[in-house]
Amino acid sequence: MGRVNSWRPLDRVASWNVDLVDGTYLAFAHQVNGRRLEGWLRRLHSQPPLS
């Protein structure tokens, strides 16, 4: 799944059975955005998806 650059799209596709997602989010300010992405992944594993 492409163009997943924020929490909302990541949460949405989590229930679609995709194997991986792609986006340019980590290409910019990767140290800060990497920590945010790690938080999103922890959040995915701790709560059910929106859809």
PDB file of N, CA and C in Angstrom:
ATOM      1  N   MET A   1       0.859  -1.169   0.000  1.00  0.00           N
ATOM      2  CA  MET A   1       0.000   0.000   0.000  1.00  0.00           C
ATOM      3  C   MET A   1       0.896   1.220   0.000  1.00  0.00           C
ATOM      4  N   GLY A   2       0.697   2.124  -0.898  1.00  0.00           N
ATOM      5  CA  GLY A   2       1.534   3.313  -1.003  1.00  0.00           C
ATOM      6  C   GLY A   2       0.885   4.544  -0.395  1.00  0.00           C
ATOM      7  N   ARG A   3       1.686   5.577  -0.179  1.00  0.00           N
ATOM      8  CA  ARG A   3       1.247   6.892   0.295  1.00  0.00           C
ATOM      9  C   ARG A   3       0.600   6.839   1.675  1.00  0.00           C
ATOM     10  N   VAL A   4       1.245   6.156   2.566  1.00  0.00           N
ATOM     11  CA  VAL A   4       0.784   6.103   3.954  1.00  0.00           C
ATOM     12  C   VAL A   4       1.784   6.922   4.762  1.00  0.00           C
ATOM     13  N   ASN A   5       1.448   8.190   4.994  1.00  0.00           N
ATOM     14  CA  ASN A   5       2.383   9.120   5.608  1.00  0.00           C
ATOM     15  C   ASN A   5       1.881   9.741   6.903  1.00  0.00           C
ATOM     16  N   SER A   6       0.844   9.174   7.485  1.00  0.00           N
ATOM     17  CA  SER A   6       0.353   9.691   8.761  1.00  0.00           C
ATOM     18  C   SER A   6      -0.427   8.590   9.477  1.00  0.00           C
ATOM     19  N   TRP A   7      -0.804   8.878  10.716  1.00  0.00           N
ATOM     20  CA  TRP A   7      -1.493   7.890  11.533  1.00  0.00           C
ATOM     21  C   TRP A   7      -2.799   7.416  10.907  1.00  0.00           C
ATOM     22  N   ARG A   8      -3.630   8.331  10.439  1.00  0.00           N
ATOM     23  CA  ARG A   8      -4.957   7.959   9.958  1.00  0.00           C
ATOM     24  C   ARG A   8      -4.916   6.933   8.809  1.00  0.00           C
ATOM     25  N   PRO A   9      -4.131   7.150   7.740  1.00  0.00           N
ATOM     26  CA  PRO A   9      -4.064   6.120   6.696  1.00  0.00           C
ATOM     27  C   PRO A   9      -3.474   4.797   7.206  1.00  0.00           C
ATOM     28  N   LEU A  10      -2.487   4.884   8.095  1.00  0.00           N
ATOM     29  CA  LEU A  10      -1.902   3.654   8.637  1.00  0.00           C
ATOM     30  C   LEU A  10      -2.943   2.869   9.420  1.00  0.00           C
ATOM     31  N   ASP A  11      -3.711   3.554  10.228  1.00  0.00           N
ATOM     32  CA  ASP A  11      -4.766   2.899  11.001  1.00  0.00           C
ATOM     33  C   ASP A  11      -5.827   2.306  10.072  1.00  0.00           C
ATOM     34  N   ARG A  12      -6.151   3.038   9.010  1.00  0.00           N
ATOM     35  CA  ARG A  12      -7.177   2.576   8.070  1.00  0.00           C
ATOM     36  C   ARG A  12      -6.752   1.284   7.363  1.00  0.00           C
ATOM     37  N   VAL A  13      -5.514   1.222   6.877  1.00  0.00           N
ATOM     38  CA  VAL A  13      -5.090   0.050   6.108  1.00  0.00           C
ATOM     39  C   VAL A  13      -4.698  -1.131   6.985  1.00  0.00           C
ATOM     40  N   ALA A  14      -4.577  -0.920   8.281  1.00  0.00           N
ATOM     41  CA  ALA A  14      -4.192  -2.011   9.186  1.00  0.00           C
ATOM     42  C   ALA A  14      -5.169  -3.182   9.116  1.00  0.00           C
ATOM     43  N   SER A  15      -6.409  -2.927   8.819  1.00  0.00           N
ATOM     44  CA  SER A  15      -7.400  -4.007   8.754  1.00  0.00           C
ATOM     45  C   SER A  15      -7.550  -4.581   7.346  1.00  0.00           C
ATOM     46  N   TRP A  16      -6.777  -4.091   6.380  1.00  0.00           N
ATOM     47  CA  TRP A  16      -6.897  -4.533   4.987  1.00  0.00           C
ATOM     48  C   TRP A  16      -6.002  -5.715   4.649  1.00  0.00           C
ATOM     49  N   ASN A  17      -5.270  -6.239   5.585  1.00  0.00           N
ATOM     50  CA  ASN A  17      -4.399  -7.393   5.350  1.00  0.00           C
ATOM     51  C   ASN A  17      -3.252  -7.090   4.390  1.00  0.00           C
ATOM     52  N   VAL A  18      -2.731  -5.858   4.381  1.00  0.00           N
ATOM     53  CA  VAL A  18      -1.579  -5.532   3.550  1.00  0.00           C
ATOM     54  C   VAL A  18      -0.309  -5.969   4.272  1.00  0.00           C
ATOM     55  N   ASP A  19       0.716  -6.297   3.513  1.00  0.00           N
ATOM     56  CA  ASP A  19       1.973  -6.742   4.102  1.00  0.00           C
ATOM     57  C   ASP A  19       2.909  -5.587   4.439  1.00  0.00           C
ATOM     58  N   LEU A  20       2.828  -4.504   3.670  1.00  0.00           N
ATOM     59  CA  LEU A  20       3.665  -3.360   3.968  1.00  0.00           C
ATOM     60  C   LEU A  20       3.056  -2.093   3.393  1.00  0.00           C
ATOM     61  N   VAL A  21       3.505  -0.974   3.928  1.00  0.00           N
ATOM     62  CA  VAL A  21       3.051   0.338   3.464  1.00  0.00           C
ATOM     63  C   VAL A  21       4.280   1.152   3.074  1.00  0.00           C
ATOM     64  N   ASP A  22       4.060   2.187   2.282  1.00  0.00           N
ATOM     65  CA  ASP A  22       5.156   2.997   1.793  1.00  0.00           C
ATOM     66  C   ASP A  22       4.762   4.465   1.839  1.00  0.00           C
ATOM     67  N   GLY A  23       5.727   5.315   2.014  1.00  0.00           N
ATOM     68  CA  GLY A  23       5.504   6.749   2.003  1.00  0.00           C
ATOM     69  C   GLY A  23       6.835   7.463   2.144  1.00  0.00           C
ATOM     70  N   THR A  24       6.831   8.764   1.992  1.00  0.00           N
ATOM     71  CA  THR A  24       8.068   9.541   2.090  1.00  0.00           C
ATOM     72  C   THR A  24       8.259  10.127   3.484  1.00  0.00           C
ATOM     73  N   TYR A  25       7.421   9.770   4.411  1.00  0.00           N
ATOM     74  CA  TYR A  25       7.436  10.353   5.759  1.00  0.00           C
ATOM     75  C   TYR A  25       8.816  10.299   6.402  1.00  0.00           C
ATOM     76  N   LEU A  26       9.500   9.182   6.302  1.00  0.00           N
ATOM     77  CA  LEU A  26      10.800   9.034   6.957  1.00  0.00           C
ATOM     78  C   LEU A  26      11.932   9.715   6.204  1.00  0.00           C
ATOM     79  N   ALA A  27      11.687  10.142   4.958  1.00  0.00           N
ATOM     80  CA  ALA A  27      12.728  10.811   4.183  1.00  0.00           C
ATOM     81  C   ALA A  27      13.044  12.195   4.741  1.00  0.00           C
ATOM     82  N   PHE A  28      12.119  12.772   5.485  1.00  0.00           N
ATOM     83  CA  PHE A  28      12.285  14.113   6.026  1.00  0.00           C
ATOM     84  C   PHE A  28      12.311  14.044   7.549  1.00  0.00           C
ATOM     85  N   ALA A  29      13.342  14.629   8.136  1.00  0.00           N
ATOM     86  CA  ALA A  29      13.502  14.632   9.598  1.00  0.00           C
ATOM     87  C   ALA A  29      13.348  13.223  10.156  1.00  0.00           C
ATOM     88  N   HIS A  30      14.121  12.296   9.609  1.00  0.00           N
ATOM     89  CA  HIS A  30      13.942  10.880   9.954  1.00  0.00           C
ATOM     90  C   HIS A  30      14.106  10.562  11.428  1.00  0.00           C
ATOM     91  N   GLN A  31      14.902  11.318  12.155  1.00  0.00           N
ATOM     92  CA  GLN A  31      15.054  11.023  13.583  1.00  0.00           C
ATOM     93  C   GLN A  31      13.763  11.328  14.344  1.00  0.00           C
ATOM     94  N   VAL A  32      13.161  12.468  14.068  1.00  0.00           N
ATOM     95  CA  VAL A  32      11.909  12.842  14.733  1.00  0.00           C
ATOM     96  C   VAL A  32      10.758  11.988  14.211  1.00  0.00           C
ATOM     97  N   ASN A  33      10.645  11.897  12.897  1.00  0.00           N
ATOM     98  CA  ASN A  33       9.533  11.150  12.311  1.00  0.00           C
ATOM     99  C   ASN A  33       9.658   9.650  12.564  1.00  0.00           C
ATOM    100  N   GLY A  34      10.867   9.147  12.715  1.00  0.00           N
ATOM    101  CA  GLY A  34      11.060   7.740  13.047  1.00  0.00           C
ATOM    102  C   GLY A  34      10.468   7.406  14.415  1.00  0.00           C
ATOM    103  N   ARG A  35      10.679   8.309  15.377  1.00  0.00           N
ATOM    104  CA  ARG A  35      10.098   8.096  16.714  1.00  0.00           C
ATOM    105  C   ARG A  35       8.572   8.154  16.653  1.00  0.00           C
ATOM    106  N   ARG A  36       8.038   9.071  15.848  1.00  0.00           N
ATOM    107  CA  ARG A  36       6.581   9.144  15.694  1.00  0.00           C
ATOM    108  C   ARG A  36       6.046   7.864  15.074  1.00  0.00           C
ATOM    109  N   LEU A  37       6.718   7.382  14.041  1.00  0.00           N
ATOM    110  CA  LEU A  37       6.287   6.151  13.377  1.00  0.00           C
ATOM    111  C   LEU A  37       6.319   4.974  14.347  1.00  0.00           C
ATOM    112  N   GLU A  38       7.347   4.888  15.166  1.00  0.00           N
ATOM    113  CA  GLU A  38       7.410   3.825  16.178  1.00  0.00           C
ATOM    114  C   GLU A  38       6.209   3.915  17.115  1.00  0.00           C
ATOM    115  N   GLY A  39       5.832   5.120  17.490  1.00  0.00           N
ATOM    116  CA  GLY A  39       4.653   5.309  18.341  1.00  0.00           C
ATOM    117  C   GLY A  39       3.378   4.846  17.653  1.00  0.00           C
ATOM    118  N   TRP A  40       3.263   5.160  16.364  1.00  0.00           N
ATOM    119  CA  TRP A  40       2.073   4.719  15.614  1.00  0.00           C
ATOM    120  C   TRP A  40       1.998   3.199  15.576  1.00  0.00           C
ATOM    121  N   LEU A  41       3.143   2.540  15.374  1.00  0.00           N
ATOM    122  CA  LEU A  41       3.151   1.074  15.307  1.00  0.00           C
ATOM    123  C   LEU A  41       2.798   0.461  16.661  1.00  0.00           C
ATOM    124  N   ARG A  42       3.309   1.044  17.744  1.00  0.00           N
ATOM    125  CA  ARG A  42       2.923   0.563  19.078  1.00  0.00           C
ATOM    126  C   ARG A  42       1.420   0.749  19.283  1.00  0.00           C
ATOM    127  N   ARG A  43       0.907   1.888  18.837  1.00  0.00           N
ATOM    128  CA  ARG A  43      -0.529   2.177  18.970  1.00  0.00           C
ATOM    129  C   ARG A  43      -1.369   1.178  18.180  1.00  0.00           C
ATOM    130  N   LEU A  44      -0.909   0.804  16.980  1.00  0.00           N
ATOM    131  CA  LEU A  44      -1.632  -0.181  16.178  1.00  0.00           C
ATOM    132  C   LEU A  44      -1.780  -1.510  16.915  1.00  0.00           C
ATOM    133  N   HIS A  45      -0.712  -1.905  17.602  1.00  0.00           N
ATOM    134  CA  HIS A  45      -0.727  -3.195  18.293  1.00  0.00           C
ATOM    135  C   HIS A  45      -1.508  -3.150  19.610  1.00  0.00           C
ATOM    136  N   SER A  46      -1.829  -1.940  20.078  1.00  0.00           N
ATOM    137  CA  SER A  46      -2.507  -1.854  21.361  1.00  0.00           C
ATOM    138  C   SER A  46      -3.997  -1.534  21.245  1.00  0.00           C
ATOM    139  N   GLN A  47      -4.472  -1.211  20.039  1.00  0.00           N
ATOM    140  CA  GLN A  47      -5.896  -0.912  19.863  1.00  0.00           C
ATOM    141  C   GLN A  47      -6.364  -1.423  18.510  1.00  0.00           C
ATOM    142  N   PRO A  48      -7.650  -1.739  18.375  1.00  0.00           N
ATOM    143  CA  PRO A  48      -8.167  -2.194  17.087  1.00  0.00           C
ATOM    144  C   PRO A  48      -8.229  -1.035  16.093  1.00  0.00           C
ATOM    145  N   PRO A  49      -8.139  -1.326  14.768  1.00  0.00           N
ATOM    146  CA  PRO A  49      -8.218  -0.266  13.760  1.00  0.00           C
ATOM    147  C   PRO A  49      -9.571   0.430  13.732  1.00  0.00           C
ATOM    148  N   LEU A  50      -9.626   1.634  13.161  1.00  0.00           N
ATOM    149  CA  LEU A  50     -10.845   2.409  13.076  1.00  0.00           C
ATOM    150  C   LEU A  50     -11.917   1.739  12.245  1.00  0.00           C
ATOM    151  N   SER A  51     -11.520   1.106  11.141  1.00  0.00           N
ATOM    152  CA  SER A  51     -12.523   0.562  10.220  1.00  0.00           C
ATOM    153  C   SER A  51     -13.049  -0.794  10.562  1.00  0.00           C
TER     154      SER A  51
END
